[in-house]
Each structure stands twice: as structure tokens, then as C-alpha cells.
All heavy atoms as atom14 arrays in JSON, in Angstrom:
{
  "sequence": "VGWGKSVLFGALVAVAGCMHGIQSGRSAAAVGNAATAAVVTALVWIII",
  "atom14_mask": [
    [1, 1, 1, 1, 1, 1, 1, 0, 0, 0, 0, 0, 0, 0],
    [1, 1, 1, 1, 0, 0, 0, 0, 0, 0, 0, 0, 0, 0],
    [1, 1, 1, 1, 1, 1, 1, 1, 1, 1, 1, 1, 1, 1],
    [1, 1, 1, 1, 0, 0, 0, 0, 0, 0, 0, 0, 0, 0],
    [1, 1, 1, 1, 1, 1, 1, 1, 1, 0, 0, 0, 0, 0],
    [1, 1, 1, 1, 1, 1, 0, 0, 0, 0, 0, 0, 0, 0],
    [1, 1, 1, 1, 1, 1, 1, 0, 0, 0, 0, 0, 0, 0],
    [1, 1, 1, 1, 1, 1, 1, 1, 0, 0, 0, 0, 0, 0],
    [1, 1, 1, 1, 1, 1, 1, 1, 1, 1, 1, 0, 0, 0],
    [1, 1, 1, 1, 0, 0, 0, 0, 0, 0, 0, 0, 0, 0],
    [1, 1, 1, 1, 1, 0, 0, 0, 0, 0, 0, 0, 0, 0],
    [1, 1, 1, 1, 1, 1, 1, 1, 0, 0, 0, 0, 0, 0],
    [1, 1, 1, 1, 1, 1, 1, 0, 0, 0, 0, 0, 0, 0],
    [1, 1, 1, 1, 1, 0, 0, 0, 0, 0, 0, 0, 0, 0],
    [1, 1, 1, 1, 1, 1, 1, 0, 0, 0, 0, 0, 0, 0],
    [1, 1, 1, 1, 1, 0, 0, 0, 0, 0, 0, 0, 0, 0],
    [1, 1, 1, 1, 0, 0, 0, 0, 0, 0, 0, 0, 0, 0],
    [1, 1, 1, 1, 1, 1, 0, 0, 0, 0, 0, 0, 0, 0],
    [1, 1, 1, 1, 1, 1, 1, 1, 0, 0, 0, 0, 0, 0],
    [1, 1, 1, 1, 1, 1, 1, 1, 1, 1, 0, 0, 0, 0],
    [1, 1, 1, 1, 0, 0, 0, 0, 0, 0, 0, 0, 0, 0],
    [1, 1, 1, 1, 1, 1, 1, 1, 0, 0, 0, 0, 0, 0],
    [1, 1, 1, 1, 1, 1, 1, 1, 1, 0, 0, 0, 0, 0],
    [1, 1, 1, 1, 1, 1, 0, 0, 0, 0, 0, 0, 0, 0],
    [1, 1, 1, 1, 0, 0, 0, 0, 0, 0, 0, 0, 0, 0],
    [1, 1, 1, 1, 1, 1, 1, 1, 1, 1, 1, 0, 0, 0],
    [1, 1, 1, 1, 1, 1, 0, 0, 0, 0, 0, 0, 0, 0],
    [1, 1, 1, 1, 1, 0, 0, 0, 0, 0, 0, 0, 0, 0],
    [1, 1, 1, 1, 1, 0, 0, 0, 0, 0, 0, 0, 0, 0],
    [1, 1, 1, 1, 1, 0, 0, 0, 0, 0, 0, 0, 0, 0],
    [1, 1, 1, 1, 1, 1, 1, 0, 0, 0, 0, 0, 0, 0],
    [1, 1, 1, 1, 0, 0, 0, 0, 0, 0, 0, 0, 0, 0],
    [1, 1, 1, 1, 1, 1, 1, 1, 0, 0, 0, 0, 0, 0],
    [1, 1, 1, 1, 1, 0, 0, 0, 0, 0, 0, 0, 0, 0],
    [1, 1, 1, 1, 1, 0, 0, 0, 0, 0, 0, 0, 0, 0],
    [1, 1, 1, 1, 1, 1, 1, 0, 0, 0, 0, 0, 0, 0],
    [1, 1, 1, 1, 1, 0, 0, 0, 0, 0, 0, 0, 0, 0],
    [1, 1, 1, 1, 1, 0, 0, 0, 0, 0, 0, 0, 0, 0],
    [1, 1, 1, 1, 1, 1, 1, 0, 0, 0, 0, 0, 0, 0],
    [1, 1, 1, 1, 1, 1, 1, 0, 0, 0, 0, 0, 0, 0],
    [1, 1, 1, 1, 1, 1, 1, 0, 0, 0, 0, 0, 0, 0],
    [1, 1, 1, 1, 1, 0, 0, 0, 0, 0, 0, 0, 0, 0],
    [1, 1, 1, 1, 1, 1, 1, 1, 0, 0, 0, 0, 0, 0],
    [1, 1, 1, 1, 1, 1, 1, 0, 0, 0, 0, 0, 0, 0],
    [1, 1, 1, 1, 1, 1, 1, 1, 1, 1, 1, 1, 1, 1],
    [1, 1, 1, 1, 1, 1, 1, 1, 0, 0, 0, 0, 0, 0],
    [1, 1, 1, 1, 1, 1, 1, 1, 0, 0, 0, 0, 0, 0],
    [1, 1, 1, 1, 1, 1, 1, 1, 0, 0, 0, 0, 0, 0]
  ],
  "atom14_positions": [
    [[62.38, -80.19, 162.78], [63.46, -80.2, 161.8], [63.17, -79.21, 160.68], [64.02, -78.39, 160.29], [63.66, -81.62, 161.23], [64.57, -81.58, 159.99], [64.29, -82.53, 162.28], [0.0, 0.0, 0.0], [0.0, 0.0, 0.0], [0.0, 0.0, 0.0], [0.0, 0.0, 0.0], [0.0, 0.0, 0.0], [0.0, 0.0, 0.0], [0.0, 0.0, 0.0]],
    [[61.95, -79.25, 160.15], [61.59, -78.3, 159.1], [61.56, -76.87, 159.6], [61.97, -75.95, 158.88], [0.0, 0.0, 0.0], [0.0, 0.0, 0.0], [0.0, 0.0, 0.0], [0.0, 0.0, 0.0], [0.0, 0.0, 0.0], [0.0, 0.0, 0.0], [0.0, 0.0, 0.0], [0.0, 0.0, 0.0], [0.0, 0.0, 0.0], [0.0, 0.0, 0.0]],
    [[61.11, -76.67, 160.81], [61.06, -75.32, 161.38], [62.47, -74.75, 161.55], [62.73, -73.59, 161.24], [60.34, -75.37, 162.72], [60.12, -74.04, 163.35], [59.1, -73.17, 163.12], [60.95, -73.42, 164.33], [59.24, -72.05, 163.89], [60.37, -72.17, 164.65], [62.13, -73.8, 164.99], [60.93, -71.31, 165.57], [62.68, -72.94, 165.91], [62.08, -71.7, 166.19]],
    [[63.4, -75.58, 162.04], [64.78, -75.12, 162.18], [65.43, -74.83, 160.83], [66.18, -73.85, 160.69], [0.0, 0.0, 0.0], [0.0, 0.0, 0.0], [0.0, 0.0, 0.0], [0.0, 0.0, 0.0], [0.0, 0.0, 0.0], [0.0, 0.0, 0.0], [0.0, 0.0, 0.0], [0.0, 0.0, 0.0], [0.0, 0.0, 0.0], [0.0, 0.0, 0.0]],
    [[65.12, -75.66, 159.84], [65.65, -75.39, 158.5], [65.14, -74.06, 157.96], [65.87, -73.34, 157.28], [65.26, -76.53, 157.56], [66.01, -77.83, 157.77], [65.57, -78.87, 156.74], [66.34, -80.16, 156.91], [65.91, -81.19, 155.93], [0.0, 0.0, 0.0], [0.0, 0.0, 0.0], [0.0, 0.0, 0.0], [0.0, 0.0, 0.0], [0.0, 0.0, 0.0]],
    [[63.89, -73.75, 158.24], [63.33, -72.5, 157.72], [64.07, -71.29, 158.27], [64.32, -70.32, 157.55], [61.84, -72.41, 158.06], [61.64, -72.29, 159.46], [0.0, 0.0, 0.0], [0.0, 0.0, 0.0], [0.0, 0.0, 0.0], [0.0, 0.0, 0.0], [0.0, 0.0, 0.0], [0.0, 0.0, 0.0], [0.0, 0.0, 0.0], [0.0, 0.0, 0.0]],
    [[64.44, -71.34, 159.56], [65.21, -70.22, 160.15], [66.57, -70.11, 159.47], [67.02, -69.01, 159.1], [65.38, -70.42, 161.66], [66.21, -69.3, 162.26], [64.01, -70.49, 162.35], [0.0, 0.0, 0.0], [0.0, 0.0, 0.0], [0.0, 0.0, 0.0], [0.0, 0.0, 0.0], [0.0, 0.0, 0.0], [0.0, 0.0, 0.0], [0.0, 0.0, 0.0]],
    [[67.24, -71.24, 159.27], [68.56, -71.23, 158.62], [68.45, -70.74, 157.18], [69.25, -69.91, 156.74], [69.15, -72.64, 158.66], [70.47, -72.83, 157.89], [71.57, -71.96, 158.48], [70.88, -74.3, 157.88], [0.0, 0.0, 0.0], [0.0, 0.0, 0.0], [0.0, 0.0, 0.0], [0.0, 0.0, 0.0], [0.0, 0.0, 0.0], [0.0, 0.0, 0.0]],
    [[67.46, -71.22, 156.46], [67.3, -70.82, 155.07], [67.0, -69.32, 154.96], [67.46, -68.64, 154.04], [66.19, -71.63, 154.4], [66.51, -73.09, 154.25], [65.48, -74.01, 153.99], [67.8, -73.56, 154.37], [65.76, -75.35, 153.85], [68.09, -74.91, 154.25], [67.07, -75.81, 153.98], [0.0, 0.0, 0.0], [0.0, 0.0, 0.0], [0.0, 0.0, 0.0]],
    [[66.2, -68.81, 155.89], [65.92, -67.37, 155.87], [67.18, -66.54, 156.06], [67.39, -65.53, 155.37], [0.0, 0.0, 0.0], [0.0, 0.0, 0.0], [0.0, 0.0, 0.0], [0.0, 0.0, 0.0], [0.0, 0.0, 0.0], [0.0, 0.0, 0.0], [0.0, 0.0, 0.0], [0.0, 0.0, 0.0], [0.0, 0.0, 0.0], [0.0, 0.0, 0.0]],
    [[68.04, -66.98, 156.99], [69.3, -66.26, 157.2], [70.18, -66.34, 155.96], [70.82, -65.34, 155.57], [70.03, -66.84, 158.41], [0.0, 0.0, 0.0], [0.0, 0.0, 0.0], [0.0, 0.0, 0.0], [0.0, 0.0, 0.0], [0.0, 0.0, 0.0], [0.0, 0.0, 0.0], [0.0, 0.0, 0.0], [0.0, 0.0, 0.0], [0.0, 0.0, 0.0]],
    [[70.24, -67.5, 155.3], [71.07, -67.66, 154.11], [70.58, -66.77, 152.97], [71.38, -66.15, 152.27], [71.08, -69.12, 153.67], [71.77, -70.12, 154.61], [71.66, -71.53, 154.07], [73.23, -69.74, 154.82], [0.0, 0.0, 0.0], [0.0, 0.0, 0.0], [0.0, 0.0, 0.0], [0.0, 0.0, 0.0], [0.0, 0.0, 0.0], [0.0, 0.0, 0.0]],
    [[69.27, -66.71, 152.77], [68.73, -65.85, 151.71], [69.05, -64.39, 151.98], [69.46, -63.65, 151.07], [67.2, -66.06, 151.58], [66.59, -65.02, 150.65], [66.9, -67.46, 151.07], [0.0, 0.0, 0.0], [0.0, 0.0, 0.0], [0.0, 0.0, 0.0], [0.0, 0.0, 0.0], [0.0, 0.0, 0.0], [0.0, 0.0, 0.0], [0.0, 0.0, 0.0]],
    [[68.89, -63.96, 153.22], [69.17, -62.56, 153.56], [70.65, -62.24, 153.39], [71.02, -61.19, 152.83], [68.73, -62.27, 154.99], [0.0, 0.0, 0.0], [0.0, 0.0, 0.0], [0.0, 0.0, 0.0], [0.0, 0.0, 0.0], [0.0, 0.0, 0.0], [0.0, 0.0, 0.0], [0.0, 0.0, 0.0], [0.0, 0.0, 0.0], [0.0, 0.0, 0.0]],
    [[71.53, -63.14, 153.84], [72.96, -62.89, 153.73], [73.39, -62.85, 152.26], [74.17, -61.97, 151.85], [73.75, -63.98, 154.5], [75.24, -63.9, 154.16], [73.55, -63.81, 155.99], [0.0, 0.0, 0.0], [0.0, 0.0, 0.0], [0.0, 0.0, 0.0], [0.0, 0.0, 0.0], [0.0, 0.0, 0.0], [0.0, 0.0, 0.0], [0.0, 0.0, 0.0]],
    [[72.87, -63.77, 151.45], [73.24, -63.79, 150.02], [72.79, -62.5, 149.33], [73.56, -61.89, 148.58], [72.62, -65.0, 149.34], [0.0, 0.0, 0.0], [0.0, 0.0, 0.0], [0.0, 0.0, 0.0], [0.0, 0.0, 0.0], [0.0, 0.0, 0.0], [0.0, 0.0, 0.0], [0.0, 0.0, 0.0], [0.0, 0.0, 0.0], [0.0, 0.0, 0.0]],
    [[71.56, -62.06, 149.59], [71.07, -60.85, 148.95], [71.84, -59.61, 149.37], [72.24, -58.79, 148.54], [0.0, 0.0, 0.0], [0.0, 0.0, 0.0], [0.0, 0.0, 0.0], [0.0, 0.0, 0.0], [0.0, 0.0, 0.0], [0.0, 0.0, 0.0], [0.0, 0.0, 0.0], [0.0, 0.0, 0.0], [0.0, 0.0, 0.0], [0.0, 0.0, 0.0]],
    [[72.05, -59.46, 150.67], [72.75, -58.27, 151.18], [74.22, -58.28, 150.77], [74.78, -57.23, 150.46], [72.61, -58.2, 152.69], [70.91, -57.98, 153.27], [0.0, 0.0, 0.0], [0.0, 0.0, 0.0], [0.0, 0.0, 0.0], [0.0, 0.0, 0.0], [0.0, 0.0, 0.0], [0.0, 0.0, 0.0], [0.0, 0.0, 0.0], [0.0, 0.0, 0.0]],
    [[74.84, -59.44, 150.78], [76.26, -59.52, 150.42], [76.49, -59.08, 148.99], [77.36, -58.25, 148.71], [76.77, -60.95, 150.62], [78.24, -61.15, 150.23], [78.78, -62.86, 150.37], [77.86, -63.61, 149.02], [0.0, 0.0, 0.0], [0.0, 0.0, 0.0], [0.0, 0.0, 0.0], [0.0, 0.0, 0.0], [0.0, 0.0, 0.0], [0.0, 0.0, 0.0]],
    [[75.71, -59.6, 148.06], [75.9, -59.21, 146.66], [75.47, -57.77, 146.43], [76.0, -57.11, 145.52], [75.12, -60.15, 145.75], [75.74, -61.5, 145.61], [76.87, -61.72, 144.85], [75.41, -62.7, 146.14], [77.2, -63.0, 144.91], [76.34, -63.62, 145.68], [0.0, 0.0, 0.0], [0.0, 0.0, 0.0], [0.0, 0.0, 0.0], [0.0, 0.0, 0.0]],
    [[74.54, -57.26, 147.21], [74.17, -55.86, 147.08], [75.3, -54.93, 147.5], [75.62, -53.96, 146.81], [0.0, 0.0, 0.0], [0.0, 0.0, 0.0], [0.0, 0.0, 0.0], [0.0, 0.0, 0.0], [0.0, 0.0, 0.0], [0.0, 0.0, 0.0], [0.0, 0.0, 0.0], [0.0, 0.0, 0.0], [0.0, 0.0, 0.0], [0.0, 0.0, 0.0]],
    [[75.93, -55.22, 148.63], [77.03, -54.37, 149.12], [78.26, -54.51, 148.22], [79.0, -53.54, 147.99], [77.36, -54.74, 150.57], [76.25, -54.22, 151.48], [78.71, -54.17, 151.0], [76.51, -54.44, 152.96], [0.0, 0.0, 0.0], [0.0, 0.0, 0.0], [0.0, 0.0, 0.0], [0.0, 0.0, 0.0], [0.0, 0.0, 0.0], [0.0, 0.0, 0.0]],
    [[78.49, -55.7, 147.67], [79.64, -55.91, 146.8], [79.37, -55.51, 145.36], [80.22, -55.72, 144.49], [80.06, -57.38, 146.85], [80.57, -57.82, 148.21], [80.89, -59.3, 148.27], [80.68, -60.03, 147.3], [81.41, -59.76, 149.39], [0.0, 0.0, 0.0], [0.0, 0.0, 0.0], [0.0, 0.0, 0.0], [0.0, 0.0, 0.0], [0.0, 0.0, 0.0]],
    [[78.21, -54.94, 145.08], [77.85, -54.57, 143.72], [78.69, -53.4, 143.23], [79.22, -52.6, 144.01], [76.36, -54.2, 143.66], [76.02, -53.65, 142.4], [0.0, 0.0, 0.0], [0.0, 0.0, 0.0], [0.0, 0.0, 0.0], [0.0, 0.0, 0.0], [0.0, 0.0, 0.0], [0.0, 0.0, 0.0], [0.0, 0.0, 0.0], [0.0, 0.0, 0.0]],
    [[78.79, -53.31, 141.91], [79.46, -52.16, 141.3], [78.55, -50.94, 141.3], [77.47, -50.93, 141.89], [0.0, 0.0, 0.0], [0.0, 0.0, 0.0], [0.0, 0.0, 0.0], [0.0, 0.0, 0.0], [0.0, 0.0, 0.0], [0.0, 0.0, 0.0], [0.0, 0.0, 0.0], [0.0, 0.0, 0.0], [0.0, 0.0, 0.0], [0.0, 0.0, 0.0]],
    [[78.98, -49.9, 140.59], [78.27, -48.63, 140.63], [77.6, -48.32, 139.28], [77.55, -47.17, 138.87], [79.22, -47.5, 141.01], [79.86, -47.69, 142.38], [80.74, -46.51, 142.76], [81.41, -46.73, 144.02], [80.91, -46.46, 145.21], [79.7, -45.94, 145.29], [81.6, -46.68, 146.31], [0.0, 0.0, 0.0], [0.0, 0.0, 0.0], [0.0, 0.0, 0.0]],
    [[77.08, -49.34, 138.62], [76.38, -49.14, 137.37], [75.09, -49.93, 137.39], [74.89, -50.82, 138.24], [77.25, -49.57, 136.17], [77.5, -50.96, 136.22], [0.0, 0.0, 0.0], [0.0, 0.0, 0.0], [0.0, 0.0, 0.0], [0.0, 0.0, 0.0], [0.0, 0.0, 0.0], [0.0, 0.0, 0.0], [0.0, 0.0, 0.0], [0.0, 0.0, 0.0]],
    [[74.2, -49.61, 136.44], [72.92, -50.33, 136.37], [73.14, -51.8, 136.05], [72.45, -52.68, 136.59], [72.03, -49.67, 135.32], [0.0, 0.0, 0.0], [0.0, 0.0, 0.0], [0.0, 0.0, 0.0], [0.0, 0.0, 0.0], [0.0, 0.0, 0.0], [0.0, 0.0, 0.0], [0.0, 0.0, 0.0], [0.0, 0.0, 0.0], [0.0, 0.0, 0.0]],
    [[74.09, -52.09, 135.16], [74.37, -53.48, 134.82], [74.91, -54.24, 136.02], [74.56, -55.42, 136.23], [75.38, -53.54, 133.67], [0.0, 0.0, 0.0], [0.0, 0.0, 0.0], [0.0, 0.0, 0.0], [0.0, 0.0, 0.0], [0.0, 0.0, 0.0], [0.0, 0.0, 0.0], [0.0, 0.0, 0.0], [0.0, 0.0, 0.0], [0.0, 0.0, 0.0]],
    [[75.73, -53.59, 136.84], [76.28, -54.25, 138.02], [75.18, -54.56, 139.03], [75.21, -55.62, 139.68], [77.35, -53.36, 138.66], [0.0, 0.0, 0.0], [0.0, 0.0, 0.0], [0.0, 0.0, 0.0], [0.0, 0.0, 0.0], [0.0, 0.0, 0.0], [0.0, 0.0, 0.0], [0.0, 0.0, 0.0], [0.0, 0.0, 0.0], [0.0, 0.0, 0.0]],
    [[74.2, -53.68, 139.17], [73.09, -53.93, 140.08], [72.27, -55.13, 139.6], [71.87, -55.99, 140.4], [72.2, -52.68, 140.2], [70.96, -52.97, 141.04], [72.99, -51.54, 140.84], [0.0, 0.0, 0.0], [0.0, 0.0, 0.0], [0.0, 0.0, 0.0], [0.0, 0.0, 0.0], [0.0, 0.0, 0.0], [0.0, 0.0, 0.0], [0.0, 0.0, 0.0]],
    [[72.01, -55.21, 138.29], [71.31, -56.37, 137.76], [72.07, -57.66, 137.96], [71.48, -58.7, 138.32], [0.0, 0.0, 0.0], [0.0, 0.0, 0.0], [0.0, 0.0, 0.0], [0.0, 0.0, 0.0], [0.0, 0.0, 0.0], [0.0, 0.0, 0.0], [0.0, 0.0, 0.0], [0.0, 0.0, 0.0], [0.0, 0.0, 0.0], [0.0, 0.0, 0.0]],
    [[73.38, -57.62, 137.74], [74.2, -58.81, 137.97], [74.2, -59.21, 139.43], [74.23, -60.4, 139.76], [75.63, -58.55, 137.5], [75.73, -58.38, 135.99], [74.89, -58.89, 135.25], [76.74, -57.67, 135.53], [0.0, 0.0, 0.0], [0.0, 0.0, 0.0], [0.0, 0.0, 0.0], [0.0, 0.0, 0.0], [0.0, 0.0, 0.0], [0.0, 0.0, 0.0]],
    [[74.18, -58.22, 140.32], [74.14, -58.53, 141.76], [72.85, -59.22, 142.14], [72.85, -60.17, 142.94], [74.31, -57.24, 142.56], [0.0, 0.0, 0.0], [0.0, 0.0, 0.0], [0.0, 0.0, 0.0], [0.0, 0.0, 0.0], [0.0, 0.0, 0.0], [0.0, 0.0, 0.0], [0.0, 0.0, 0.0], [0.0, 0.0, 0.0], [0.0, 0.0, 0.0]],
    [[71.73, -58.78, 141.58], [70.45, -59.42, 141.87], [70.44, -60.87, 141.37], [69.97, -61.78, 142.07], [69.31, -58.63, 141.23], [0.0, 0.0, 0.0], [0.0, 0.0, 0.0], [0.0, 0.0, 0.0], [0.0, 0.0, 0.0], [0.0, 0.0, 0.0], [0.0, 0.0, 0.0], [0.0, 0.0, 0.0], [0.0, 0.0, 0.0], [0.0, 0.0, 0.0]],
    [[70.97, -61.08, 140.17], [71.03, -62.45, 139.64], [71.95, -63.33, 140.48], [71.61, -64.48, 140.81], [71.53, -62.42, 138.19], [70.66, -61.59, 137.41], [71.56, -63.81, 137.6], [0.0, 0.0, 0.0], [0.0, 0.0, 0.0], [0.0, 0.0, 0.0], [0.0, 0.0, 0.0], [0.0, 0.0, 0.0], [0.0, 0.0, 0.0], [0.0, 0.0, 0.0]],
    [[73.11, -62.8, 140.84], [74.06, -63.57, 141.64], [73.49, -63.88, 143.02], [73.76, -64.95, 143.58], [75.38, -62.8, 141.77], [0.0, 0.0, 0.0], [0.0, 0.0, 0.0], [0.0, 0.0, 0.0], [0.0, 0.0, 0.0], [0.0, 0.0, 0.0], [0.0, 0.0, 0.0], [0.0, 0.0, 0.0], [0.0, 0.0, 0.0], [0.0, 0.0, 0.0]],
    [[72.7, -62.97, 143.57], [72.1, -63.22, 144.88], [71.16, -64.41, 144.85], [71.15, -65.25, 145.76], [71.36, -61.97, 145.35], [0.0, 0.0, 0.0], [0.0, 0.0, 0.0], [0.0, 0.0, 0.0], [0.0, 0.0, 0.0], [0.0, 0.0, 0.0], [0.0, 0.0, 0.0], [0.0, 0.0, 0.0], [0.0, 0.0, 0.0], [0.0, 0.0, 0.0]],
    [[70.35, -64.51, 143.8], [69.42, -65.63, 143.68], [70.18, -66.94, 143.52], [69.89, -67.94, 144.19], [68.46, -65.4, 142.5], [67.55, -66.61, 142.31], [67.63, -64.15, 142.72], [0.0, 0.0, 0.0], [0.0, 0.0, 0.0], [0.0, 0.0, 0.0], [0.0, 0.0, 0.0], [0.0, 0.0, 0.0], [0.0, 0.0, 0.0], [0.0, 0.0, 0.0]],
    [[71.17, -66.94, 142.64], [71.94, -68.17, 142.4], [72.67, -68.6, 143.67], [72.65, -69.79, 144.04], [72.93, -67.95, 141.24], [73.83, -69.17, 141.07], [72.18, -67.66, 139.95], [0.0, 0.0, 0.0], [0.0, 0.0, 0.0], [0.0, 0.0, 0.0], [0.0, 0.0, 0.0], [0.0, 0.0, 0.0], [0.0, 0.0, 0.0], [0.0, 0.0, 0.0]],
    [[73.31, -67.66, 144.35], [74.04, -68.0, 145.56], [73.12, -68.53, 146.64], [73.43, -69.52, 147.32], [74.78, -66.76, 146.08], [75.68, -66.28, 145.07], [75.58, -67.08, 147.33], [0.0, 0.0, 0.0], [0.0, 0.0, 0.0], [0.0, 0.0, 0.0], [0.0, 0.0, 0.0], [0.0, 0.0, 0.0], [0.0, 0.0, 0.0], [0.0, 0.0, 0.0]],
    [[71.97, -67.91, 146.82], [71.01, -68.36, 147.83], [70.53, -69.77, 147.53], [70.44, -70.63, 148.43], [69.83, -67.4, 147.91], [0.0, 0.0, 0.0], [0.0, 0.0, 0.0], [0.0, 0.0, 0.0], [0.0, 0.0, 0.0], [0.0, 0.0, 0.0], [0.0, 0.0, 0.0], [0.0, 0.0, 0.0], [0.0, 0.0, 0.0], [0.0, 0.0, 0.0]],
    [[70.22, -70.06, 146.27], [69.76, -71.4, 145.91], [70.84, -72.45, 146.16], [70.55, -73.54, 146.68], [69.33, -71.43, 144.45], [68.1, -70.59, 144.09], [67.8, -70.7, 142.6], [66.89, -71.0, 144.9], [0.0, 0.0, 0.0], [0.0, 0.0, 0.0], [0.0, 0.0, 0.0], [0.0, 0.0, 0.0], [0.0, 0.0, 0.0], [0.0, 0.0, 0.0]],
    [[72.06, -72.13, 145.81], [73.16, -73.08, 146.04], [73.35, -73.32, 147.53], [73.49, -74.48, 147.99], [74.46, -72.56, 145.4], [75.65, -73.43, 145.8], [74.33, -72.53, 143.88], [0.0, 0.0, 0.0], [0.0, 0.0, 0.0], [0.0, 0.0, 0.0], [0.0, 0.0, 0.0], [0.0, 0.0, 0.0], [0.0, 0.0, 0.0], [0.0, 0.0, 0.0]],
    [[73.36, -72.26, 148.32], [73.52, -72.41, 149.77], [72.37, -73.22, 150.37], [72.58, -74.03, 151.28], [73.59, -71.03, 150.43], [74.89, -70.34, 150.19], [75.98, -70.81, 149.53], [75.25, -69.02, 150.63], [76.99, -69.88, 149.52], [76.58, -68.77, 150.19], [74.58, -68.03, 151.33], [77.23, -67.58, 150.44], [75.23, -66.83, 151.59], [76.54, -66.61, 151.15]],
    [[71.15, -73.0, 149.91], [70.0, -73.73, 150.45], [70.14, -75.22, 150.18], [69.95, -76.06, 151.09], [68.69, -73.17, 149.84], [68.41, -71.78, 150.4], [67.52, -74.1, 150.13], [67.29, -71.06, 149.67], [0.0, 0.0, 0.0], [0.0, 0.0, 0.0], [0.0, 0.0, 0.0], [0.0, 0.0, 0.0], [0.0, 0.0, 0.0], [0.0, 0.0, 0.0]],
    [[70.47, -75.59, 148.95], [70.57, -77.01, 148.62], [71.73, -77.67, 149.35], [71.6, -78.79, 149.87], [70.72, -77.18, 147.09], [69.51, -76.58, 146.37], [70.88, -78.64, 146.73], [68.18, -77.18, 146.79], [0.0, 0.0, 0.0], [0.0, 0.0, 0.0], [0.0, 0.0, 0.0], [0.0, 0.0, 0.0], [0.0, 0.0, 0.0], [0.0, 0.0, 0.0]],
    [[72.87, -76.98, 149.39], [74.03, -77.56, 150.08], [73.74, -77.75, 151.57], [74.02, -78.8, 152.16], [75.27, -76.69, 149.86], [75.71, -76.75, 148.4], [76.42, -77.14, 150.77], [76.88, -75.86, 148.07], [0.0, 0.0, 0.0], [0.0, 0.0, 0.0], [0.0, 0.0, 0.0], [0.0, 0.0, 0.0], [0.0, 0.0, 0.0], [0.0, 0.0, 0.0]]
  ]
}
């Protein structure tokens, strides 16, 4: 059960990070906001 969760959680972390990176704006502030949003989104997806 824990092993299967680890695979799912890894996919969720990667998808959250890449999604916010591709949807980021074209400024330094937008890149920083994307990094923050990626962490928050990944944590929410993991807990849910």
C-alpha cells in the first residue's frame, strides 16, 4: 500500500511542478509564483 502510494505521489508532484512551470508567465515574479504554486498544489493533491 505504501509502495503504491509512493508511485502515485511521485506522479502528482511531477505533474504539479511541470504544470505550473508551463503555465507560468514571462517574468521573474511569475516564475517565483509558479514555484510556490507548484509546492502548494502538490501538497494539496498528496493529502487529498
